[in-house]
Every structure is written in structure tokens, then in C-alpha cells.
Amino acid sequence: YARSRRVLWMGFAALSFAVLFGQTVLAIPAAPSYTHQAELEFVFGSTPRVVLATFVAMTGGEFVNSYILAKMKVATAGKYLWARTIGSTVAGEAIGTLLFYPIAFYGIWSGSTLQQVMTSDYVVKVLWEVVATPFTYLLVMKLKRLEDEDYFDTNTNFTPFSMRVE
């Protein structure tokens, strides 16, 4: 959990840089001969909203996913990897999807389009987890052998705001 938390925060830092870059591009006056300013503003103008949606959705969805995965590992004594990965994905992606799309696209897309995209995105993500499960087993077994470690989050600080890796 602690390592995934750190990766998520590094991702947020990169997204913040993208917002800064996009807003800087918009602040620079266009050359008089440039004819695509409206398109540029459309693309970079929505960046802060999409980044905010990503931040909120990842804070909710990915941290829930990691938390459930860690707690289920302890509860199952490290067994039933398939149930842990799929179960945590079902919960985490539901939260992430319900947060991301309305924040990023409410008022831009129609309600029916928003609902269709949210539903299809959620189904694809969960199905992908199911399809990837055999590969997850192979990767986890290989990593356990290479690292000679099978960590259980029994004394983990689950606050999303800590950067400490225990």
C-alpha cells in the first residue's frame, strides 16, 4: 500500500506540471498569423478540470483499490489472489469512475452520453482485470521469487497523505 501511495502522489505531481505547462501555453500570445488558437484553447483549457477530476478520482478510487487489496490479503492469509485483485478493482474502479467522469465532463457531455461512457469504461476496466488475472499470477509469483518477499500490510498506515514507505 505504501509504495502504491507514493506512485500515486508522483503521478499527481506530473499532472500538476501538465496543468502548469498547459496554462503557460495559453498565456503566451499567439502569433498574428496563427489560425488555430481556438482549438489550442479548447485542448489546453480543459486540462485543469480533467486533472482535478483525475486527482479526485484517483484519491478515491486508487486508494480504495489499494486498501481493499491489502486488507483482503491479510484476511485471506495471502490466498485467492484472483478474488483480491478483481474484488478491489470492482470497488476502486466504481468509485474512480463515479468521481472522474462527472467532474471532468458534466455540462460538456449530455447526461446519457456521460452515463454510457461511465458504464462502458467501468465494464472494460473490470473485464480487463479478469482477463489479466492469469498474467497477474505469473508476475506475482516471479516477483515473490526474485525479491524473496511476500509483504502483508498488517501495521500499515493507510492514510493517503503519508509519503513514508514502511
N, C-alpha and C. Protein backbone atom coordinates (compact mmCIF):
# COMPACT_ATOMS: atom_id res chain seq x y z
N TYR A 1 0.83 -1.20 0.00
CA TYR A 1 0.00 0.00 0.00
C TYR A 1 0.87 1.26 0.00
N ALA A 2 1.89 1.26 0.82
CA ALA A 2 2.73 2.46 0.94
C ALA A 2 3.42 2.79 -0.38
N ARG A 3 3.87 1.77 -1.11
CA ARG A 3 4.52 2.03 -2.39
C ARG A 3 3.53 2.53 -3.43
N SER A 4 2.34 1.96 -3.48
CA SER A 4 1.35 2.44 -4.44
C SER A 4 0.93 3.87 -4.12
N ARG A 5 0.86 4.19 -2.84
CA ARG A 5 0.53 5.55 -2.42
C ARG A 5 1.58 6.53 -2.94
N ARG A 6 2.84 6.16 -2.84
CA ARG A 6 3.92 7.04 -3.31
C ARG A 6 3.85 7.21 -4.83
N VAL A 7 3.59 6.14 -5.55
CA VAL A 7 3.47 6.23 -7.01
C VAL A 7 2.32 7.15 -7.40
N LEU A 8 1.20 7.04 -6.70
CA LEU A 8 0.06 7.92 -7.00
C LEU A 8 0.40 9.38 -6.77
N TRP A 9 1.09 9.69 -5.70
CA TRP A 9 1.46 11.08 -5.44
C TRP A 9 2.45 11.60 -6.47
N MET A 10 3.34 10.75 -6.94
CA MET A 10 4.26 11.17 -8.01
C MET A 10 3.48 11.45 -9.29
N GLY A 11 2.45 10.65 -9.55
CA GLY A 11 1.59 10.90 -10.70
C GLY A 11 0.87 12.23 -10.59
N PHE A 12 0.41 12.55 -9.40
CA PHE A 12 -0.25 13.85 -9.18
C PHE A 12 0.71 15.01 -9.44
N ALA A 13 1.96 14.83 -9.04
CA ALA A 13 2.96 15.88 -9.30
C ALA A 13 3.14 16.08 -10.80
N ALA A 14 3.20 14.98 -11.55
CA ALA A 14 3.34 15.08 -13.01
C ALA A 14 2.12 15.75 -13.63
N LEU A 15 0.93 15.41 -13.15
CA LEU A 15 -0.29 16.04 -13.66
C LEU A 15 -0.30 17.54 -13.36
N SER A 16 0.17 17.91 -12.20
CA SER A 16 0.24 19.33 -11.84
C SER A 16 1.16 20.08 -12.80
N PHE A 17 2.26 19.44 -13.17
CA PHE A 17 3.16 20.03 -14.15
C PHE A 17 2.44 20.20 -15.49
N ALA A 18 1.62 19.23 -15.88
CA ALA A 18 0.87 19.33 -17.14
C ALA A 18 -0.07 20.53 -17.12
N VAL A 19 -0.71 20.76 -15.99
CA VAL A 19 -1.60 21.93 -15.87
C VAL A 19 -0.79 23.21 -16.00
N LEU A 20 0.32 23.28 -15.29
CA LEU A 20 1.18 24.47 -15.37
C LEU A 20 1.64 24.71 -16.80
N PHE A 21 2.07 23.66 -17.47
CA PHE A 21 2.52 23.77 -18.85
C PHE A 21 1.38 24.24 -19.76
N GLY A 22 0.22 23.63 -19.63
CA GLY A 22 -0.93 24.00 -20.46
C GLY A 22 -1.35 25.44 -20.25
N GLN A 23 -1.38 25.87 -19.02
CA GLN A 23 -1.79 27.25 -18.74
C GLN A 23 -0.73 28.25 -19.21
N THR A 24 0.53 27.85 -19.16
CA THR A 24 1.60 28.70 -19.69
C THR A 24 1.46 28.86 -21.19
N VAL A 25 1.17 27.77 -21.88
CA VAL A 25 0.96 27.82 -23.33
C VAL A 25 -0.18 28.78 -23.66
N LEU A 26 -1.25 28.71 -22.90
CA LEU A 26 -2.40 29.59 -23.16
C LEU A 26 -2.10 31.05 -22.86
N ALA A 27 -1.21 31.30 -21.93
CA ALA A 27 -0.89 32.68 -21.55
C ALA A 27 0.01 33.38 -22.57
N ILE A 28 0.72 32.61 -23.36
CA ILE A 28 1.61 33.19 -24.37
C ILE A 28 0.75 33.68 -25.54
N PRO A 29 0.89 34.94 -25.92
CA PRO A 29 0.09 35.45 -27.04
C PRO A 29 0.41 34.71 -28.34
N ALA A 30 -0.62 34.46 -29.10
CA ALA A 30 -0.46 33.77 -30.38
C ALA A 30 0.11 34.72 -31.42
N ALA A 31 0.84 34.17 -32.36
CA ALA A 31 1.32 34.97 -33.49
C ALA A 31 0.12 35.42 -34.30
N PRO A 32 0.17 36.61 -34.87
CA PRO A 32 -0.97 37.11 -35.65
C PRO A 32 -1.39 36.17 -36.79
N SER A 33 -0.45 35.42 -37.33
CA SER A 33 -0.78 34.53 -38.45
C SER A 33 -1.29 33.16 -37.99
N TYR A 34 -1.26 32.91 -36.68
CA TYR A 34 -1.70 31.60 -36.17
C TYR A 34 -3.22 31.52 -36.21
N THR A 35 -3.75 30.48 -36.85
CA THR A 35 -5.20 30.39 -37.07
C THR A 35 -5.88 29.32 -36.23
N HIS A 36 -5.17 28.69 -35.34
CA HIS A 36 -5.76 27.59 -34.57
C HIS A 36 -5.81 27.87 -33.06
N GLN A 37 -5.89 29.13 -32.69
CA GLN A 37 -5.90 29.49 -31.27
C GLN A 37 -7.11 28.90 -30.54
N ALA A 38 -8.27 28.90 -31.19
CA ALA A 38 -9.48 28.36 -30.54
C ALA A 38 -9.32 26.88 -30.23
N GLU A 39 -8.73 26.14 -31.15
CA GLU A 39 -8.51 24.71 -30.93
C GLU A 39 -7.51 24.48 -29.80
N LEU A 40 -6.46 25.30 -29.79
CA LEU A 40 -5.45 25.21 -28.74
C LEU A 40 -6.08 25.49 -27.37
N GLU A 41 -6.91 26.51 -27.31
CA GLU A 41 -7.59 26.85 -26.05
C GLU A 41 -8.56 25.76 -25.64
N PHE A 42 -9.20 25.11 -26.61
CA PHE A 42 -10.11 24.02 -26.29
C PHE A 42 -9.35 22.86 -25.64
N VAL A 43 -8.21 22.50 -26.22
CA VAL A 43 -7.43 21.37 -25.70
C VAL A 43 -6.81 21.70 -24.35
N PHE A 44 -6.06 22.79 -24.27
CA PHE A 44 -5.37 23.11 -23.03
C PHE A 44 -6.28 23.75 -21.99
N GLY A 45 -7.36 24.35 -22.42
CA GLY A 45 -8.28 24.99 -21.48
C GLY A 45 -8.99 24.02 -20.57
N SER A 46 -9.20 22.79 -21.04
CA SER A 46 -9.89 21.79 -20.21
C SER A 46 -8.93 21.01 -19.32
N THR A 47 -7.65 21.22 -19.49
CA THR A 47 -6.66 20.46 -18.71
C THR A 47 -6.84 20.59 -17.20
N PRO A 48 -7.04 21.79 -16.64
CA PRO A 48 -7.20 21.86 -15.18
C PRO A 48 -8.40 21.05 -14.67
N ARG A 49 -9.49 21.08 -15.40
CA ARG A 49 -10.69 20.34 -14.98
C ARG A 49 -10.44 18.84 -15.04
N VAL A 50 -9.80 18.37 -16.10
CA VAL A 50 -9.52 16.94 -16.24
C VAL A 50 -8.51 16.50 -15.18
N VAL A 51 -7.52 17.32 -14.90
CA VAL A 51 -6.54 16.98 -13.87
C VAL A 51 -7.19 16.96 -12.49
N LEU A 52 -8.06 17.92 -12.21
CA LEU A 52 -8.80 17.91 -10.94
C LEU A 52 -9.63 16.63 -10.83
N ALA A 53 -10.32 16.27 -11.91
CA ALA A 53 -11.13 15.05 -11.91
C ALA A 53 -10.25 13.82 -11.68
N THR A 54 -9.09 13.80 -12.32
CA THR A 54 -8.16 12.68 -12.15
C THR A 54 -7.68 12.61 -10.71
N PHE A 55 -7.32 13.75 -10.14
CA PHE A 55 -6.85 13.79 -8.76
C PHE A 55 -7.92 13.27 -7.79
N VAL A 56 -9.13 13.77 -7.93
CA VAL A 56 -10.22 13.35 -7.04
C VAL A 56 -10.53 11.86 -7.24
N ALA A 57 -10.62 11.43 -8.50
CA ALA A 57 -10.96 10.03 -8.79
C ALA A 57 -9.86 9.08 -8.31
N MET A 58 -8.61 9.46 -8.53
CA MET A 58 -7.53 8.59 -8.09
C MET A 58 -7.43 8.56 -6.57
N THR A 59 -7.65 9.71 -5.95
CA THR A 59 -7.62 9.73 -4.49
C THR A 59 -8.69 8.80 -3.95
N GLY A 60 -9.87 8.86 -4.52
CA GLY A 60 -10.95 7.97 -4.08
C GLY A 60 -10.76 6.55 -4.55
N GLY A 61 -10.63 6.36 -5.85
CA GLY A 61 -10.63 5.03 -6.44
C GLY A 61 -9.38 4.21 -6.21
N GLU A 62 -8.24 4.78 -6.51
CA GLU A 62 -7.00 4.01 -6.40
C GLU A 62 -6.60 3.72 -4.96
N PHE A 63 -6.83 4.67 -4.08
CA PHE A 63 -6.52 4.40 -2.68
C PHE A 63 -7.47 3.34 -2.11
N VAL A 64 -8.74 3.39 -2.51
CA VAL A 64 -9.69 2.35 -2.07
C VAL A 64 -9.27 1.00 -2.63
N ASN A 65 -8.89 0.97 -3.89
CA ASN A 65 -8.43 -0.27 -4.51
C ASN A 65 -7.25 -0.85 -3.74
N SER A 66 -6.26 -0.02 -3.48
CA SER A 66 -5.07 -0.48 -2.76
C SER A 66 -5.40 -0.92 -1.33
N TYR A 67 -6.27 -0.18 -0.67
CA TYR A 67 -6.66 -0.51 0.70
C TYR A 67 -7.37 -1.87 0.74
N ILE A 68 -8.35 -2.05 -0.15
CA ILE A 68 -9.09 -3.32 -0.17
C ILE A 68 -8.17 -4.47 -0.52
N LEU A 69 -7.29 -4.27 -1.49
CA LEU A 69 -6.35 -5.32 -1.88
C LEU A 69 -5.48 -5.72 -0.68
N ALA A 70 -4.97 -4.74 0.04
CA ALA A 70 -4.11 -5.02 1.20
C ALA A 70 -4.88 -5.72 2.31
N LYS A 71 -6.07 -5.22 2.62
CA LYS A 71 -6.88 -5.82 3.70
C LYS A 71 -7.34 -7.23 3.34
N MET A 72 -7.70 -7.45 2.07
CA MET A 72 -8.12 -8.79 1.65
C MET A 72 -6.96 -9.78 1.71
N LYS A 73 -5.74 -9.31 1.44
CA LYS A 73 -4.59 -10.20 1.51
C LYS A 73 -4.40 -10.69 2.94
N VAL A 74 -4.52 -9.79 3.90
CA VAL A 74 -4.40 -10.18 5.30
C VAL A 74 -5.55 -11.11 5.68
N ALA A 75 -6.77 -10.76 5.28
CA ALA A 75 -7.96 -11.55 5.65
C ALA A 75 -7.94 -12.96 5.06
N THR A 76 -7.33 -13.11 3.87
CA THR A 76 -7.30 -14.42 3.22
C THR A 76 -5.97 -15.14 3.43
N ALA A 77 -5.12 -14.59 4.29
CA ALA A 77 -3.80 -15.15 4.56
C ALA A 77 -3.00 -15.31 3.26
N GLY A 78 -3.16 -14.36 2.36
CA GLY A 78 -2.39 -14.36 1.12
C GLY A 78 -2.94 -15.26 0.04
N LYS A 79 -4.08 -15.86 0.26
CA LYS A 79 -4.68 -16.75 -0.74
C LYS A 79 -5.69 -15.99 -1.60
N TYR A 80 -6.15 -16.66 -2.63
CA TYR A 80 -7.22 -16.14 -3.50
C TYR A 80 -6.85 -14.81 -4.15
N LEU A 81 -5.67 -14.78 -4.77
CA LEU A 81 -5.23 -13.56 -5.44
C LEU A 81 -6.26 -13.07 -6.44
N TRP A 82 -6.89 -13.98 -7.16
CA TRP A 82 -7.89 -13.58 -8.16
C TRP A 82 -9.03 -12.81 -7.52
N ALA A 83 -9.49 -13.25 -6.36
CA ALA A 83 -10.60 -12.57 -5.68
C ALA A 83 -10.15 -11.21 -5.15
N ARG A 84 -8.91 -11.15 -4.70
CA ARG A 84 -8.40 -9.88 -4.18
C ARG A 84 -8.25 -8.84 -5.29
N THR A 85 -7.66 -9.25 -6.41
CA THR A 85 -7.44 -8.27 -7.49
C THR A 85 -8.75 -7.85 -8.14
N ILE A 86 -9.61 -8.81 -8.41
CA ILE A 86 -10.88 -8.47 -9.05
C ILE A 86 -11.79 -7.72 -8.08
N GLY A 87 -11.86 -8.17 -6.84
CA GLY A 87 -12.71 -7.50 -5.85
C GLY A 87 -12.30 -6.07 -5.59
N SER A 88 -11.00 -5.84 -5.46
CA SER A 88 -10.53 -4.47 -5.22
C SER A 88 -10.74 -3.60 -6.46
N THR A 89 -10.62 -4.18 -7.64
CA THR A 89 -10.87 -3.43 -8.87
C THR A 89 -12.33 -3.05 -8.99
N VAL A 90 -13.22 -3.97 -8.68
CA VAL A 90 -14.67 -3.68 -8.74
C VAL A 90 -14.99 -2.46 -7.88
N ALA A 91 -14.47 -2.43 -6.67
CA ALA A 91 -14.76 -1.31 -5.76
C ALA A 91 -14.03 -0.04 -6.17
N GLY A 92 -12.74 -0.14 -6.40
CA GLY A 92 -11.93 1.04 -6.71
C GLY A 92 -12.33 1.71 -8.01
N GLU A 93 -12.58 0.91 -9.04
CA GLU A 93 -12.97 1.49 -10.33
C GLU A 93 -14.38 2.07 -10.28
N ALA A 94 -15.25 1.50 -9.48
CA ALA A 94 -16.60 2.09 -9.34
C ALA A 94 -16.48 3.49 -8.76
N ILE A 95 -15.70 3.62 -7.72
CA ILE A 95 -15.53 4.94 -7.09
C ILE A 95 -14.82 5.90 -8.04
N GLY A 96 -13.73 5.44 -8.65
CA GLY A 96 -12.99 6.29 -9.56
C GLY A 96 -13.82 6.77 -10.74
N THR A 97 -14.60 5.86 -11.31
CA THR A 97 -15.44 6.21 -12.46
C THR A 97 -16.54 7.18 -12.06
N LEU A 98 -17.17 6.91 -10.92
CA LEU A 98 -18.25 7.80 -10.45
C LEU A 98 -17.75 9.19 -10.10
N LEU A 99 -16.49 9.31 -9.76
CA LEU A 99 -15.92 10.62 -9.45
C LEU A 99 -15.36 11.32 -10.70
N PHE A 100 -14.61 10.58 -11.52
CA PHE A 100 -13.91 11.22 -12.63
C PHE A 100 -14.84 11.82 -13.68
N TYR A 101 -15.70 11.03 -14.23
CA TYR A 101 -16.48 11.49 -15.39
C TYR A 101 -17.38 12.69 -15.10
N PRO A 102 -18.14 12.69 -14.02
CA PRO A 102 -18.96 13.89 -13.77
C PRO A 102 -18.12 15.15 -13.56
N ILE A 103 -17.00 15.03 -12.85
CA ILE A 103 -16.17 16.21 -12.63
C ILE A 103 -15.56 16.69 -13.95
N ALA A 104 -15.07 15.77 -14.76
CA ALA A 104 -14.38 16.14 -15.99
C ALA A 104 -15.33 16.59 -17.10
N PHE A 105 -16.53 15.99 -17.17
CA PHE A 105 -17.35 16.20 -18.36
C PHE A 105 -18.78 16.65 -18.13
N TYR A 106 -19.19 16.86 -16.87
CA TYR A 106 -20.55 17.34 -16.63
C TYR A 106 -20.72 18.72 -17.27
N GLY A 107 -21.79 18.88 -18.00
CA GLY A 107 -22.04 20.14 -18.69
C GLY A 107 -21.39 20.21 -20.06
N ILE A 108 -20.48 19.29 -20.34
CA ILE A 108 -19.84 19.22 -21.66
C ILE A 108 -20.52 18.13 -22.48
N TRP A 109 -20.75 16.99 -21.85
CA TRP A 109 -21.45 15.88 -22.49
C TRP A 109 -22.88 15.85 -21.97
N SER A 110 -23.76 15.25 -22.76
CA SER A 110 -25.14 15.06 -22.29
C SER A 110 -25.15 14.02 -21.18
N GLY A 111 -26.21 14.02 -20.40
CA GLY A 111 -26.33 13.04 -19.31
C GLY A 111 -26.30 11.61 -19.82
N SER A 112 -26.96 11.35 -20.95
CA SER A 112 -26.98 9.98 -21.48
C SER A 112 -25.60 9.57 -21.98
N THR A 113 -24.88 10.49 -22.62
CA THR A 113 -23.52 10.17 -23.07
C THR A 113 -22.62 9.91 -21.87
N LEU A 114 -22.73 10.74 -20.87
CA LEU A 114 -21.94 10.57 -19.65
C LEU A 114 -22.19 9.19 -19.04
N GLN A 115 -23.45 8.82 -18.93
CA GLN A 115 -23.81 7.53 -18.36
C GLN A 115 -23.29 6.37 -19.21
N GLN A 116 -23.42 6.48 -20.52
CA GLN A 116 -22.94 5.41 -21.41
C GLN A 116 -21.43 5.24 -21.31
N VAL A 117 -20.71 6.35 -21.32
CA VAL A 117 -19.25 6.29 -21.25
C VAL A 117 -18.81 5.74 -19.89
N MET A 118 -19.44 6.18 -18.83
CA MET A 118 -19.09 5.69 -17.49
C MET A 118 -19.31 4.19 -17.39
N THR A 119 -20.45 3.73 -17.89
CA THR A 119 -20.78 2.31 -17.81
C THR A 119 -19.80 1.48 -18.63
N SER A 120 -19.57 1.89 -19.88
CA SER A 120 -18.67 1.10 -20.73
C SER A 120 -17.24 1.13 -20.19
N ASP A 121 -16.79 2.27 -19.70
CA ASP A 121 -15.44 2.37 -19.15
C ASP A 121 -15.29 1.45 -17.94
N TYR A 122 -16.26 1.46 -17.06
CA TYR A 122 -16.22 0.61 -15.87
C TYR A 122 -16.19 -0.87 -16.25
N VAL A 123 -17.06 -1.26 -17.17
CA VAL A 123 -17.12 -2.67 -17.59
C VAL A 123 -15.79 -3.09 -18.22
N VAL A 124 -15.22 -2.26 -19.08
CA VAL A 124 -13.95 -2.59 -19.72
C VAL A 124 -12.84 -2.75 -18.68
N LYS A 125 -12.79 -1.87 -17.70
CA LYS A 125 -11.74 -1.95 -16.68
C LYS A 125 -11.87 -3.22 -15.84
N VAL A 126 -13.08 -3.57 -15.46
CA VAL A 126 -13.27 -4.78 -14.66
C VAL A 126 -12.98 -6.02 -15.50
N LEU A 127 -13.46 -6.04 -16.75
CA LEU A 127 -13.18 -7.18 -17.63
C LEU A 127 -11.68 -7.31 -17.89
N TRP A 128 -11.00 -6.19 -18.04
CA TRP A 128 -9.56 -6.24 -18.23
C TRP A 128 -8.88 -6.89 -17.03
N GLU A 129 -9.32 -6.57 -15.85
CA GLU A 129 -8.75 -7.18 -14.65
C GLU A 129 -8.96 -8.69 -14.67
N VAL A 130 -10.14 -9.12 -15.08
CA VAL A 130 -10.43 -10.56 -15.17
C VAL A 130 -9.51 -11.22 -16.20
N VAL A 131 -9.38 -10.61 -17.37
CA VAL A 131 -8.53 -11.16 -18.43
C VAL A 131 -7.06 -11.17 -18.00
N ALA A 132 -6.63 -10.15 -17.28
CA ALA A 132 -5.22 -10.04 -16.87
C ALA A 132 -4.87 -10.92 -15.68
N THR A 133 -5.85 -11.52 -15.04
CA THR A 133 -5.59 -12.29 -13.82
C THR A 133 -4.54 -13.39 -14.00
N PRO A 134 -4.58 -14.20 -15.06
CA PRO A 134 -3.52 -15.22 -15.20
C PRO A 134 -2.12 -14.60 -15.29
N PHE A 135 -2.01 -13.47 -15.97
CA PHE A 135 -0.72 -12.79 -16.09
C PHE A 135 -0.30 -12.19 -14.75
N THR A 136 -1.28 -11.74 -13.98
CA THR A 136 -1.00 -11.22 -12.64
C THR A 136 -0.41 -12.32 -11.78
N TYR A 137 -0.99 -13.53 -11.84
CA TYR A 137 -0.46 -14.66 -11.09
C TYR A 137 1.00 -14.92 -11.45
N LEU A 138 1.30 -14.94 -12.76
CA LEU A 138 2.67 -15.20 -13.20
C LEU A 138 3.62 -14.12 -12.70
N LEU A 139 3.23 -12.88 -12.82
CA LEU A 139 4.08 -11.77 -12.39
C LEU A 139 4.29 -11.78 -10.88
N VAL A 140 3.23 -12.00 -10.12
CA VAL A 140 3.34 -12.02 -8.66
C VAL A 140 4.25 -13.16 -8.20
N MET A 141 4.09 -14.34 -8.80
CA MET A 141 4.95 -15.47 -8.42
C MET A 141 6.41 -15.17 -8.73
N LYS A 142 6.66 -14.57 -9.91
CA LYS A 142 8.04 -14.24 -10.28
C LYS A 142 8.63 -13.20 -9.33
N LEU A 143 7.88 -12.16 -9.01
CA LEU A 143 8.38 -11.13 -8.11
C LEU A 143 8.64 -11.68 -6.70
N LYS A 144 7.77 -12.55 -6.23
CA LYS A 144 7.99 -13.14 -4.90
C LYS A 144 9.29 -13.94 -4.88
N ARG A 145 9.55 -14.67 -5.96
CA ARG A 145 10.80 -15.44 -6.03
C ARG A 145 12.02 -14.52 -6.12
N LEU A 146 11.94 -13.52 -6.99
CA LEU A 146 13.07 -12.60 -7.17
C LEU A 146 13.37 -11.79 -5.92
N GLU A 147 12.33 -11.30 -5.28
CA GLU A 147 12.51 -10.44 -4.11
C GLU A 147 12.56 -11.22 -2.80
N ASP A 148 12.21 -12.49 -2.86
CA ASP A 148 12.16 -13.34 -1.67
C ASP A 148 11.36 -12.64 -0.57
N GLU A 149 10.19 -12.14 -0.96
CA GLU A 149 9.36 -11.37 -0.03
C GLU A 149 7.89 -11.56 -0.38
N ASP A 150 7.08 -11.60 0.64
CA ASP A 150 5.63 -11.62 0.47
C ASP A 150 5.06 -10.74 1.59
N TYR A 151 4.95 -9.45 1.31
CA TYR A 151 4.61 -8.47 2.33
C TYR A 151 3.11 -8.45 2.62
N PHE A 152 2.78 -8.42 3.91
CA PHE A 152 1.41 -8.28 4.37
C PHE A 152 1.29 -6.94 5.09
N ASP A 153 0.31 -6.14 4.72
CA ASP A 153 0.11 -4.81 5.31
C ASP A 153 -0.62 -4.91 6.66
N THR A 154 0.05 -5.48 7.65
CA THR A 154 -0.61 -5.65 8.95
C THR A 154 -0.48 -4.41 9.83
N ASN A 155 0.63 -3.70 9.72
CA ASN A 155 0.84 -2.50 10.53
C ASN A 155 1.01 -1.26 9.66
N THR A 156 0.33 -1.22 8.56
CA THR A 156 0.48 -0.13 7.59
C THR A 156 -0.38 1.06 7.98
N ASN A 157 0.19 2.24 7.82
CA ASN A 157 -0.56 3.49 7.98
C ASN A 157 -1.30 3.72 6.66
N PHE A 158 -2.60 3.62 6.67
CA PHE A 158 -3.39 3.70 5.44
C PHE A 158 -3.83 5.12 5.08
N THR A 159 -3.29 6.13 5.74
CA THR A 159 -3.63 7.48 5.33
C THR A 159 -3.06 7.74 3.94
N PRO A 160 -3.83 8.33 3.05
CA PRO A 160 -3.30 8.59 1.71
C PRO A 160 -2.28 9.73 1.68
N PHE A 161 -2.10 10.44 2.77
CA PHE A 161 -1.27 11.64 2.75
C PHE A 161 0.14 11.43 3.28
N SER A 162 0.50 10.22 3.64
CA SER A 162 1.85 9.94 4.10
C SER A 162 2.71 9.55 2.90
N MET A 163 3.95 9.99 2.88
CA MET A 163 4.88 9.61 1.81
C MET A 163 5.86 8.55 2.30
N ARG A 164 5.74 8.16 3.54
CA ARG A 164 6.66 7.19 4.13
C ARG A 164 6.38 5.80 3.60
N VAL A 165 7.43 5.09 3.20
CA VAL A 165 7.31 3.69 2.79
C VAL A 165 7.84 2.86 3.93
N GLU A 166 6.97 2.03 4.49
CA GLU A 166 7.35 1.25 5.67
C GLU A 166 8.01 -0.04 5.29
